[in-house]
């Protein structure tokens, strides 16, 4: 638990566009938030064994991820990775990939 607490203390918000293309970032959880730009979903991702980053998903994903989906991500009963596929027609393409057991 100490490591989890420490990781949460050192998490930082980064632009989703800064994610490495093709890299799998384990999703640790997520939450809905209201920002000055409107509603968003903030995901906590593991960048390394001792580093957590937070990203705001693009607005088009706000209606895609339901509260039930976020509950699954937060519970850890199913584990997922977030993968950036880079930019396509001025939009960041993201993919959620279920990790196999």
PDB file of N, CA and C in Angstrom:
ATOM      1  N   UNK A   1       0.827  -1.184   0.000  1.00  0.00           N
ATOM      2  CA  UNK A   1       0.000   0.000   0.000  1.00  0.00           C
ATOM      3  C   UNK A   1       0.878   1.257   0.000  1.00  0.00           C
ATOM      4  N   UNK A   2       2.023   1.198   0.643  1.00  0.00           N
ATOM      5  CA  UNK A   2       2.909   2.352   0.700  1.00  0.00           C
ATOM      6  C   UNK A   2       3.326   2.788  -0.701  1.00  0.00           C
ATOM      7  N   UNK A   3       3.628   1.811  -1.572  1.00  0.00           N
ATOM      8  CA  UNK A   3       4.044   2.138  -2.937  1.00  0.00           C
ATOM      9  C   UNK A   3       2.905   2.804  -3.703  1.00  0.00           C
ATOM     10  N   UNK A   4       1.672   2.307  -3.534  1.00  0.00           N
ATOM     11  CA  UNK A   4       0.520   2.913  -4.200  1.00  0.00           C
ATOM     12  C   UNK A   4       0.340   4.357  -3.745  1.00  0.00           C
ATOM     13  N   UNK A   5       0.486   4.579  -2.452  1.00  0.00           N
ATOM     14  CA  UNK A   5       0.324   5.922  -1.900  1.00  0.00           C
ATOM     15  C   UNK A   5       1.392   6.854  -2.460  1.00  0.00           C
ATOM     16  N   UNK A   6       2.609   6.357  -2.507  1.00  0.00           N
ATOM     17  CA  UNK A   6       3.713   7.142  -3.032  1.00  0.00           C
ATOM     18  C   UNK A   6       3.496   7.479  -4.506  1.00  0.00           C
ATOM     19  N   UNK A   7       3.045   6.492  -5.294  1.00  0.00           N
ATOM     20  CA  UNK A   7       2.807   6.714  -6.715  1.00  0.00           C
ATOM     21  C   UNK A   7       1.730   7.771  -6.921  1.00  0.00           C
ATOM     22  N   UNK A   8       0.691   7.743  -6.104  1.00  0.00           N
ATOM     23  CA  UNK A   8      -0.388   8.720  -6.231  1.00  0.00           C
ATOM     24  C   UNK A   8       0.108  10.121  -5.905  1.00  0.00           C
ATOM     25  N   UNK A   9       1.051  10.207  -4.993  1.00  0.00           N
ATOM     26  CA  UNK A   9       1.599  11.505  -4.590  1.00  0.00           C
ATOM     27  C   UNK A   9       2.416  12.143  -5.700  1.00  0.00           C
ATOM     28  N   UNK A  10       2.973  11.339  -6.570  1.00  0.00           N
ATOM     29  CA  UNK A  10       3.863  11.854  -7.605  1.00  0.00           C
ATOM     30  C   UNK A  10       3.267  11.794  -9.003  1.00  0.00           C
ATOM     31  N   UNK A  11       1.959  11.609  -9.116  1.00  0.00           N
ATOM     32  CA  UNK A  11       1.345  11.574 -10.440  1.00  0.00           C
ATOM     33  C   UNK A  11       1.282  12.994 -10.991  1.00  0.00           C
ATOM     34  N   UNK A  12       1.342  13.088 -12.306  1.00  0.00           N
ATOM     35  CA  UNK A  12       1.289  14.397 -12.939  1.00  0.00           C
ATOM     36  C   UNK A  12       0.374  14.334 -14.157  1.00  0.00           C
ATOM     37  N   UNK A  13      -0.266  15.444 -14.457  1.00  0.00           N
ATOM     38  CA  UNK A  13      -1.161  15.540 -15.599  1.00  0.00           C
ATOM     39  C   UNK A  13      -0.336  15.874 -16.836  1.00  0.00           C
ATOM     40  N   UNK A  14      -0.476  15.057 -17.873  1.00  0.00           N
ATOM     41  CA  UNK A  14       0.265  15.282 -19.113  1.00  0.00           C
ATOM     42  C   UNK A  14      -0.720  15.259 -20.283  1.00  0.00           C
ATOM     43  N   UNK A  15      -0.377  15.914 -21.387  1.00  0.00           N
ATOM     44  CA  UNK A  15      -1.260  15.857 -22.555  1.00  0.00           C
ATOM     45  C   UNK A  15      -1.317  14.445 -23.123  1.00  0.00           C
ATOM     46  N   UNK A  16      -2.487  14.019 -23.551  1.00  0.00           N
ATOM     47  CA  UNK A  16      -2.627  12.684 -24.135  1.00  0.00           C
ATOM     48  C   UNK A  16      -1.748  12.539 -25.374  1.00  0.00           C
ATOM     49  N   UNK A  17      -1.501  13.642 -26.052  1.00  0.00           N
ATOM     50  CA  UNK A  17      -0.659  13.601 -27.249  1.00  0.00           C
ATOM     51  C   UNK A  17       0.799  13.294 -26.929  1.00  0.00           C
ATOM     52  N   UNK A  18       1.177  13.368 -25.657  1.00  0.00           N
ATOM     53  CA  UNK A  18       2.569  13.076 -25.280  1.00  0.00           C
ATOM     54  C   UNK A  18       2.815  11.577 -25.071  1.00  0.00           C
ATOM     55  N   UNK A  19       1.749  10.783 -25.151  1.00  0.00           N
ATOM     56  CA  UNK A  19       1.913   9.329 -25.005  1.00  0.00           C
ATOM     57  C   UNK A  19       2.727   8.786 -26.178  1.00  0.00           C
ATOM     58  N   UNK A  20       3.589   7.810 -25.900  1.00  0.00           N
ATOM     59  CA  UNK A  20       4.356   7.169 -26.965  1.00  0.00           C
ATOM     60  C   UNK A  20       3.422   6.332 -27.836  1.00  0.00           C
ATOM     61  N   UNK A  21       3.513   6.497 -29.146  1.00  0.00           N
ATOM     62  CA  UNK A  21       2.667   5.746 -30.077  1.00  0.00           C
ATOM     63  C   UNK A  21       3.016   4.260 -29.994  1.00  0.00           C
ATOM     64  N   UNK A  22       1.982   3.433 -29.842  1.00  0.00           N
ATOM     65  CA  UNK A  22       2.150   1.985 -29.803  1.00  0.00           C
ATOM     66  C   UNK A  22       2.485   1.410 -28.436  1.00  0.00           C
ATOM     67  N   UNK A  23       2.825   2.255 -27.489  1.00  0.00           N
ATOM     68  CA  UNK A  23       3.160   1.781 -26.139  1.00  0.00           C
ATOM     69  C   UNK A  23       1.889   1.485 -25.355  1.00  0.00           C
ATOM     70  N   UNK A  24       1.909   0.406 -24.595  1.00  0.00           N
ATOM     71  CA  UNK A  24       0.759   0.033 -23.760  1.00  0.00           C
ATOM     72  C   UNK A  24       0.943   0.622 -22.364  1.00  0.00           C
ATOM     73  N   UNK A  25       0.017   1.489 -21.971  1.00  0.00           N
ATOM     74  CA  UNK A  25       0.025   2.101 -20.646  1.00  0.00           C
ATOM     75  C   UNK A  25      -1.056   1.424 -19.800  1.00  0.00           C
ATOM     76  N   UNK A  26      -0.691   0.686 -18.755  1.00  0.00           N
ATOM     77  CA  UNK A  26      -1.707   0.075 -17.901  1.00  0.00           C
ATOM     78  C   UNK A  26      -2.618   1.145 -17.263  1.00  0.00           C
ATOM     79  N   UNK A  27      -3.922   0.920 -17.357  1.00  0.00           N
ATOM     80  CA  UNK A  27      -4.900   1.848 -16.782  1.00  0.00           C
ATOM     81  C   UNK A  27      -5.106   1.476 -15.322  1.00  0.00           C
ATOM     82  N   UNK A  28      -4.882   2.442 -14.429  1.00  0.00           N
ATOM     83  CA  UNK A  28      -5.037   2.216 -12.993  1.00  0.00           C
ATOM     84  C   UNK A  28      -6.414   2.631 -12.495  1.00  0.00           C
ATOM     85  N   UNK A  29      -7.082   3.485 -13.243  1.00  0.00           N
ATOM     86  CA  UNK A  29      -8.404   3.946 -12.851  1.00  0.00           C
ATOM     87  C   UNK A  29      -8.770   5.205 -13.607  1.00  0.00           C
ATOM     88  N   UNK A  30      -9.980   5.673 -13.379  1.00  0.00           N
ATOM     89  CA  UNK A  30     -10.428   6.877 -14.061  1.00  0.00           C
ATOM     90  C   UNK A  30     -11.581   7.524 -13.345  1.00  0.00           C
ATOM     91  N   UNK A  31     -11.836   8.768 -13.718  1.00  0.00           N
ATOM     92  CA  UNK A  31     -12.924   9.513 -13.101  1.00  0.00           C
ATOM     93  C   UNK A  31     -13.414  10.604 -14.057  1.00  0.00           C
ATOM     94  N   UNK A  32     -14.662  10.962 -13.882  1.00  0.00           N
ATOM     95  CA  UNK A  32     -15.213  12.101 -14.618  1.00  0.00           C
ATOM     96  C   UNK A  32     -14.794  13.377 -13.894  1.00  0.00           C
ATOM     97  N   UNK A  33     -14.576  14.424 -14.670  1.00  0.00           N
ATOM     98  CA  UNK A  33     -14.195  15.705 -14.076  1.00  0.00           C
ATOM     99  C   UNK A  33     -14.739  16.831 -14.939  1.00  0.00           C
ATOM    100  N   UNK A  34     -14.989  17.950 -14.309  1.00  0.00           N
ATOM    101  CA  UNK A  34     -15.371  19.164 -15.026  1.00  0.00           C
ATOM    102  C   UNK A  34     -14.169  20.090 -15.032  1.00  0.00           C
ATOM    103  N   UNK A  35     -13.758  20.484 -16.217  1.00  0.00           N
ATOM    104  CA  UNK A  35     -12.625  21.387 -16.367  1.00  0.00           C
ATOM    105  C   UNK A  35     -13.108  22.694 -16.974  1.00  0.00           C
ATOM    106  N   UNK A  36     -12.226  23.636 -17.126  1.00  0.00           N
ATOM    107  CA  UNK A  36     -12.621  24.907 -17.741  1.00  0.00           C
ATOM    108  C   UNK A  36     -12.987  24.718 -19.213  1.00  0.00           C
ATOM    109  N   UNK A  37     -12.601  23.569 -19.776  1.00  0.00           N
ATOM    110  CA  UNK A  37     -12.930  23.268 -21.168  1.00  0.00           C
ATOM    111  C   UNK A  37     -14.184  22.395 -21.289  1.00  0.00           C
ATOM    112  N   UNK A  38     -14.797  22.055 -20.155  1.00  0.00           N
ATOM    113  CA  UNK A  38     -15.992  21.229 -20.161  1.00  0.00           C
ATOM    114  C   UNK A  38     -15.728  19.877 -19.518  1.00  0.00           C
ATOM    115  N   UNK A  39     -16.718  18.976 -19.588  1.00  0.00           N
ATOM    116  CA  UNK A  39     -16.562  17.665 -18.954  1.00  0.00           C
ATOM    117  C   UNK A  39     -15.496  16.828 -19.673  1.00  0.00           C
ATOM    118  N   UNK A  40     -14.817  16.008 -18.885  1.00  0.00           N
ATOM    119  CA  UNK A  40     -13.784  15.129 -19.429  1.00  0.00           C
ATOM    120  C   UNK A  40     -13.689  13.879 -18.570  1.00  0.00           C
ATOM    121  N   UNK A  41     -12.893  12.954 -19.017  1.00  0.00           N
ATOM    122  CA  UNK A  41     -12.540  11.785 -18.216  1.00  0.00           C
ATOM    123  C   UNK A  41     -11.040  11.817 -18.026  1.00  0.00           C
ATOM    124  N   UNK A  42     -10.614  11.703 -16.782  1.00  0.00           N
ATOM    125  CA  UNK A  42      -9.196  11.664 -16.460  1.00  0.00           C
ATOM    126  C   UNK A  42      -8.838  10.223 -16.139  1.00  0.00           C
ATOM    127  N   UNK A  43      -7.878   9.681 -16.871  1.00  0.00           N
ATOM    128  CA  UNK A  43      -7.383   8.329 -16.609  1.00  0.00           C
ATOM    129  C   UNK A  43      -6.036   8.396 -15.923  1.00  0.00           C
ATOM    130  N   UNK A  44      -5.848   7.506 -14.938  1.00  0.00           N
ATOM    131  CA  UNK A  44      -4.542   7.331 -14.291  1.00  0.00           C
ATOM    132  C   UNK A  44      -3.864   6.150 -14.969  1.00  0.00           C
ATOM    133  N   UNK A  45      -2.663   6.387 -15.486  1.00  0.00           N
ATOM    134  CA  UNK A  45      -1.925   5.366 -16.216  1.00  0.00           C
ATOM    135  C   UNK A  45      -0.581   5.120 -15.558  1.00  0.00           C
ATOM    136  N   UNK A  46      -0.149   3.879 -15.585  1.00  0.00           N
ATOM    137  CA  UNK A  46       1.175   3.544 -15.077  1.00  0.00           C
ATOM    138  C   UNK A  46       2.182   3.803 -16.190  1.00  0.00           C
ATOM    139  N   UNK A  47       3.119   4.698 -15.912  1.00  0.00           N
ATOM    140  CA  UNK A  47       4.160   5.005 -16.893  1.00  0.00           C
ATOM    141  C   UNK A  47       5.366   4.090 -16.684  1.00  0.00           C
ATOM    142  N   UNK A  48       5.593   3.732 -15.425  1.00  0.00           N
ATOM    143  CA  UNK A  48       6.658   2.796 -15.054  1.00  0.00           C
ATOM    144  C   UNK A  48       6.300   2.230 -13.685  1.00  0.00           C
ATOM    145  N   UNK A  49       7.177   1.434 -13.113  1.00  0.00           N
ATOM    146  CA  UNK A  49       6.882   0.826 -11.809  1.00  0.00           C
ATOM    147  C   UNK A  49       6.670   1.854 -10.707  1.00  0.00           C
ATOM    148  N   UNK A  50       7.258   3.039 -10.864  1.00  0.00           N
ATOM    149  CA  UNK A  50       7.122   4.038  -9.798  1.00  0.00           C
ATOM    150  C   UNK A  50       6.672   5.400 -10.329  1.00  0.00           C
ATOM    151  N   UNK A  51       5.992   5.412 -11.464  1.00  0.00           N
ATOM    152  CA  UNK A  51       5.536   6.677 -12.034  1.00  0.00           C
ATOM    153  C   UNK A  51       4.120   6.534 -12.594  1.00  0.00           C
ATOM    154  N   UNK A  52       3.260   7.447 -12.174  1.00  0.00           N
ATOM    155  CA  UNK A  52       1.871   7.476 -12.637  1.00  0.00           C
ATOM    156  C   UNK A  52       1.640   8.798 -13.354  1.00  0.00           C
ATOM    157  N   UNK A  53       0.984   8.724 -14.502  1.00  0.00           N
ATOM    158  CA  UNK A  53       0.584   9.937 -15.197  1.00  0.00           C
ATOM    159  C   UNK A  53      -0.939   9.975 -15.274  1.00  0.00           C
ATOM    160  N   UNK A  54      -1.466  11.169 -15.419  1.00  0.00           N
ATOM    161  CA  UNK A  54      -2.899  11.363 -15.618  1.00  0.00           C
ATOM    162  C   UNK A  54      -3.070  12.051 -16.965  1.00  0.00           C
ATOM    163  N   UNK A  55      -4.064  11.583 -17.722  1.00  0.00           N
ATOM    164  CA  UNK A  55      -4.378  12.240 -18.987  1.00  0.00           C
ATOM    165  C   UNK A  55      -5.864  12.535 -19.047  1.00  0.00           C
ATOM    166  N   UNK A  56      -6.206  13.627 -19.707  1.00  0.00           N
ATOM    167  CA  UNK A  56      -7.609  13.940 -20.002  1.00  0.00           C
ATOM    168  C   UNK A  56      -7.902  13.369 -21.379  1.00  0.00           C
ATOM    169  N   UNK A  57      -8.887  12.515 -21.441  1.00  0.00           N
ATOM    170  CA  UNK A  57      -9.271  11.955 -22.732  1.00  0.00           C
ATOM    171  C   UNK A  57      -9.914  13.037 -23.595  1.00  0.00           C
ATOM    172  N   UNK A  58      -9.761  12.950 -24.908  1.00  0.00           N
ATOM    173  CA  UNK A  58     -10.473  13.883 -25.785  1.00  0.00           C
ATOM    174  C   UNK A  58     -11.983  13.814 -25.531  1.00  0.00           C
ATOM    175  N   UNK A  59     -12.662  14.911 -25.761  1.00  0.00           N
ATOM    176  CA  UNK A  59     -14.094  15.031 -25.454  1.00  0.00           C
ATOM    177  C   UNK A  59     -14.954  13.927 -26.066  1.00  0.00           C
ATOM    178  N   UNK A  60     -14.577  13.430 -27.230  1.00  0.00           N
ATOM    179  CA  UNK A  60     -15.415  12.416 -27.886  1.00  0.00           C
ATOM    180  C   UNK A  60     -15.507  11.129 -27.081  1.00  0.00           C
ATOM    181  N   UNK A  61     -14.609  10.929 -26.115  1.00  0.00           N
ATOM    182  CA  UNK A  61     -14.639   9.724 -25.294  1.00  0.00           C
ATOM    183  C   UNK A  61     -15.514   9.867 -24.042  1.00  0.00           C
ATOM    184  N   UNK A  62     -15.960  11.089 -23.736  1.00  0.00           N
ATOM    185  CA  UNK A  62     -16.759  11.325 -22.528  1.00  0.00           C
ATOM    186  C   UNK A  62     -18.042  10.499 -22.540  1.00  0.00           C
ATOM    187  N   UNK A  63     -18.684  10.410 -23.699  1.00  0.00           N
ATOM    188  CA  UNK A  63     -19.932   9.641 -23.799  1.00  0.00           C
ATOM    189  C   UNK A  63     -19.680   8.167 -24.099  1.00  0.00           C
ATOM    190  N   UNK A  64     -18.462   7.831 -24.505  1.00  0.00           N
ATOM    191  CA  UNK A  64     -18.137   6.442 -24.834  1.00  0.00           C
ATOM    192  C   UNK A  64     -17.952   5.618 -23.566  1.00  0.00           C
ATOM    193  N   UNK A  65     -17.200   6.152 -22.607  1.00  0.00           N
ATOM    194  CA  UNK A  65     -16.977   5.439 -21.342  1.00  0.00           C
ATOM    195  C   UNK A  65     -18.119   5.752 -20.377  1.00  0.00           C
ATOM    196  N   UNK A  66     -18.851   4.732 -20.008  1.00  0.00           N
ATOM    197  CA  UNK A  66     -19.968   4.897 -19.080  1.00  0.00           C
ATOM    198  C   UNK A  66     -19.460   4.854 -17.640  1.00  0.00           C
ATOM    199  N   UNK A  67     -20.342   5.194 -16.710  1.00  0.00           N
ATOM    200  CA  UNK A  67     -19.986   5.092 -15.292  1.00  0.00           C
ATOM    201  C   UNK A  67     -19.688   3.637 -14.924  1.00  0.00           C
ATOM    202  N   UNK A  68     -20.396   2.703 -15.548  1.00  0.00           N
ATOM    203  CA  UNK A  68     -20.136   1.276 -15.300  1.00  0.00           C
ATOM    204  C   UNK A  68     -18.741   0.891 -15.792  1.00  0.00           C
ATOM    205  N   UNK A  69     -18.333   1.431 -16.951  1.00  0.00           N
ATOM    206  CA  UNK A  69     -16.984   1.175 -17.460  1.00  0.00           C
ATOM    207  C   UNK A  69     -15.927   1.707 -16.493  1.00  0.00           C
ATOM    208  N   UNK A  70     -16.152   2.911 -15.993  1.00  0.00           N
ATOM    209  CA  UNK A  70     -15.198   3.498 -15.039  1.00  0.00           C
ATOM    210  C   UNK A  70     -15.144   2.681 -13.755  1.00  0.00           C
ATOM    211  N   UNK A  71     -16.282   2.165 -13.304  1.00  0.00           N
ATOM    212  CA  UNK A  71     -16.309   1.330 -12.099  1.00  0.00           C
ATOM    213  C   UNK A  71     -15.462   0.069 -12.310  1.00  0.00           C
ATOM    214  N   UNK A  72     -15.543  -0.515 -13.505  1.00  0.00           N
ATOM    215  CA  UNK A  72     -14.728  -1.704 -13.804  1.00  0.00           C
ATOM    216  C   UNK A  72     -13.253  -1.343 -13.794  1.00  0.00           C
ATOM    217  N   UNK A  73     -12.890  -0.216 -14.424  1.00  0.00           N
ATOM    218  CA  UNK A  73     -11.487   0.212 -14.432  1.00  0.00           C
ATOM    219  C   UNK A  73     -10.969   0.454 -13.014  1.00  0.00           C
ATOM    220  N   UNK A  74     -11.809   1.062 -12.177  1.00  0.00           N
ATOM    221  CA  UNK A  74     -11.390   1.390 -10.810  1.00  0.00           C
ATOM    222  C   UNK A  74     -11.345   0.174  -9.896  1.00  0.00           C
ATOM    223  N   UNK A  75     -12.150  -0.838 -10.185  1.00  0.00           N
ATOM    224  CA  UNK A  75     -12.196  -2.021  -9.318  1.00  0.00           C
ATOM    225  C   UNK A  75     -11.010  -2.952  -9.550  1.00  0.00           C
ATOM    226  N   UNK A  76     -10.477  -2.921 -10.756  1.00  0.00           N
ATOM    227  CA  UNK A  76      -9.367  -3.815 -11.079  1.00  0.00           C
ATOM    228  C   UNK A  76      -9.795  -5.232 -11.414  1.00  0.00           C
ATOM    229  N   UNK A  77     -11.109  -5.486 -11.489  1.00  0.00           N
ATOM    230  CA  UNK A  77     -11.567  -6.836 -11.820  1.00  0.00           C
ATOM    231  C   UNK A  77     -11.214  -7.209 -13.252  1.00  0.00           C
ATOM    232  N   UNK A  78     -11.173  -6.216 -14.125  1.00  0.00           N
ATOM    233  CA  UNK A  78     -10.687  -6.396 -15.488  1.00  0.00           C
ATOM    234  C   UNK A  78      -9.594  -5.351 -15.686  1.00  0.00           C
ATOM    235  N   UNK A  79      -8.509  -5.733 -16.337  1.00  0.00           N
ATOM    236  CA  UNK A  79      -7.405  -4.802 -16.510  1.00  0.00           C
ATOM    237  C   UNK A  79      -7.230  -4.448 -17.979  1.00  0.00           C
ATOM    238  N   UNK A  80      -6.953  -3.180 -18.213  1.00  0.00           N
ATOM    239  CA  UNK A  80      -6.838  -2.663 -19.568  1.00  0.00           C
ATOM    240  C   UNK A  80      -5.575  -1.822 -19.713  1.00  0.00           C
ATOM    241  N   UNK A  81      -5.118  -1.715 -20.957  1.00  0.00           N
ATOM    242  CA  UNK A  81      -4.036  -0.815 -21.314  1.00  0.00           C
ATOM    243  C   UNK A  81      -4.597   0.218 -22.280  1.00  0.00           C
ATOM    244  N   UNK A  82      -4.092   1.440 -22.181  1.00  0.00           N
ATOM    245  CA  UNK A  82      -4.438   2.470 -23.150  1.00  0.00           C
ATOM    246  C   UNK A  82      -3.274   2.600 -24.118  1.00  0.00           C
ATOM    247  N   UNK A  83      -3.592   2.606 -25.405  1.00  0.00           N
ATOM    248  CA  UNK A  83      -2.567   2.672 -26.444  1.00  0.00           C
ATOM    249  C   UNK A  83      -2.891   3.842 -27.371  1.00  0.00           C
ATOM    250  N   UNK A  84      -1.881   4.680 -27.601  1.00  0.00           N
ATOM    251  CA  UNK A  84      -2.029   5.755 -28.578  1.00  0.00           C
ATOM    252  C   UNK A  84      -1.638   5.216 -29.948  1.00  0.00           C
ATOM    253  N   UNK A  85      -2.497   5.467 -30.915  1.00  0.00           N
ATOM    254  CA  UNK A  85      -2.180   5.089 -32.292  1.00  0.00           C
ATOM    255  C   UNK A  85      -1.748   6.301 -33.099  1.00  0.00           C
ATOM    256  N   UNK A  86      -1.509   7.425 -32.394  1.00  0.00           N
ATOM    257  CA  UNK A  86      -1.031   8.633 -33.051  1.00  0.00           C
ATOM    258  C   UNK A  86      -2.162   9.493 -33.591  1.00  0.00           C
ATOM    259  N   UNK A  87      -1.785  10.463 -34.389  1.00  0.00           N
ATOM    260  CA  UNK A  87      -2.733  11.417 -34.937  1.00  0.00           C
ATOM    261  C   UNK A  87      -3.262  10.934 -36.284  1.00  0.00           C
ATOM    262  N   UNK A  88      -4.550  11.167 -36.500  1.00  0.00           N
ATOM    263  CA  UNK A  88      -5.175  10.873 -37.784  1.00  0.00           C
ATOM    264  C   UNK A  88      -6.174  11.983 -38.073  1.00  0.00           C
ATOM    265  N   UNK A  89      -5.963  12.715 -39.133  1.00  0.00           N
ATOM    266  CA  UNK A  89      -6.839  13.823 -39.516  1.00  0.00           C
ATOM    267  C   UNK A  89      -7.073  14.786 -38.352  1.00  0.00           C
ATOM    268  N   UNK A  90      -5.998  15.206 -37.717  1.00  0.00           N
ATOM    269  CA  UNK A  90      -6.008  16.169 -36.610  1.00  0.00           C
ATOM    270  C   UNK A  90      -6.686  15.665 -35.346  1.00  0.00           C
ATOM    271  N   UNK A  91      -6.870  14.360 -35.208  1.00  0.00           N
ATOM    272  CA  UNK A  91      -7.456  13.780 -33.998  1.00  0.00           C
ATOM    273  C   UNK A  91      -6.525  12.703 -33.458  1.00  0.00           C
ATOM    274  N   UNK A  92      -6.395  12.663 -32.144  1.00  0.00           N
ATOM    275  CA  UNK A  92      -5.607  11.616 -31.498  1.00  0.00           C
ATOM    276  C   UNK A  92      -6.443  10.338 -31.453  1.00  0.00           C
ATOM    277  N   UNK A  93      -5.874   9.247 -31.921  1.00  0.00           N
ATOM    278  CA  UNK A  93      -6.569   7.963 -31.930  1.00  0.00           C
ATOM    279  C   UNK A  93      -6.056   7.125 -30.757  1.00  0.00           C
ATOM    280  N   UNK A  94      -6.981   6.750 -29.874  1.00  0.00           N
ATOM    281  CA  UNK A  94      -6.646   5.942 -28.705  1.00  0.00           C
ATOM    282  C   UNK A  94      -7.379   4.614 -28.775  1.00  0.00           C
ATOM    283  N   UNK A  95      -6.763   3.602 -28.194  1.00  0.00           N
ATOM    284  CA  UNK A  95      -7.382   2.284 -28.168  1.00  0.00           C
ATOM    285  C   UNK A  95      -7.253   1.709 -26.756  1.00  0.00           C
ATOM    286  N   UNK A  96      -8.343   1.139 -26.244  1.00  0.00           N
ATOM    287  CA  UNK A  96      -8.341   0.470 -24.949  1.00  0.00           C
ATOM    288  C   UNK A  96      -8.236  -1.024 -25.210  1.00  0.00           C
ATOM    289  N   UNK A  97      -7.179  -1.653 -24.675  1.00  0.00           N
ATOM    290  CA  UNK A  97      -6.920  -3.063 -24.946  1.00  0.00           C
ATOM    291  C   UNK A  97      -6.993  -3.830 -23.636  1.00  0.00           C
ATOM    292  N   UNK A  98      -7.858  -4.861 -23.613  1.00  0.00           N
ATOM    293  CA  UNK A  98      -7.981  -5.701 -22.421  1.00  0.00           C
ATOM    294  C   UNK A  98      -6.731  -6.570 -22.286  1.00  0.00           C
ATOM    295  N   UNK A  99      -6.172  -6.569 -21.076  1.00  0.00           N
ATOM    296  CA  UNK A  99      -5.003  -7.419 -20.824  1.00  0.00           C
ATOM    297  C   UNK A  99      -5.444  -8.844 -20.599  1.00  0.00           C
ATOM    298  N   UNK A 100      -4.707  -9.762 -21.162  1.00  0.00           N
ATOM    299  CA  UNK A 100      -5.029 -11.176 -20.952  1.00  0.00           C
ATOM    300  C   UNK A 100      -4.481 -11.613 -19.600  1.00  0.00           C
ATOM    301  N   UNK A 101      -5.150 -12.578 -19.001  1.00  0.00           N
ATOM    302  CA  UNK A 101      -4.780 -13.057 -17.657  1.00  0.00           C
ATOM    303  C   UNK A 101      -3.509 -13.854 -17.674  1.00  0.00           C
TER     304      UNK A 101
END
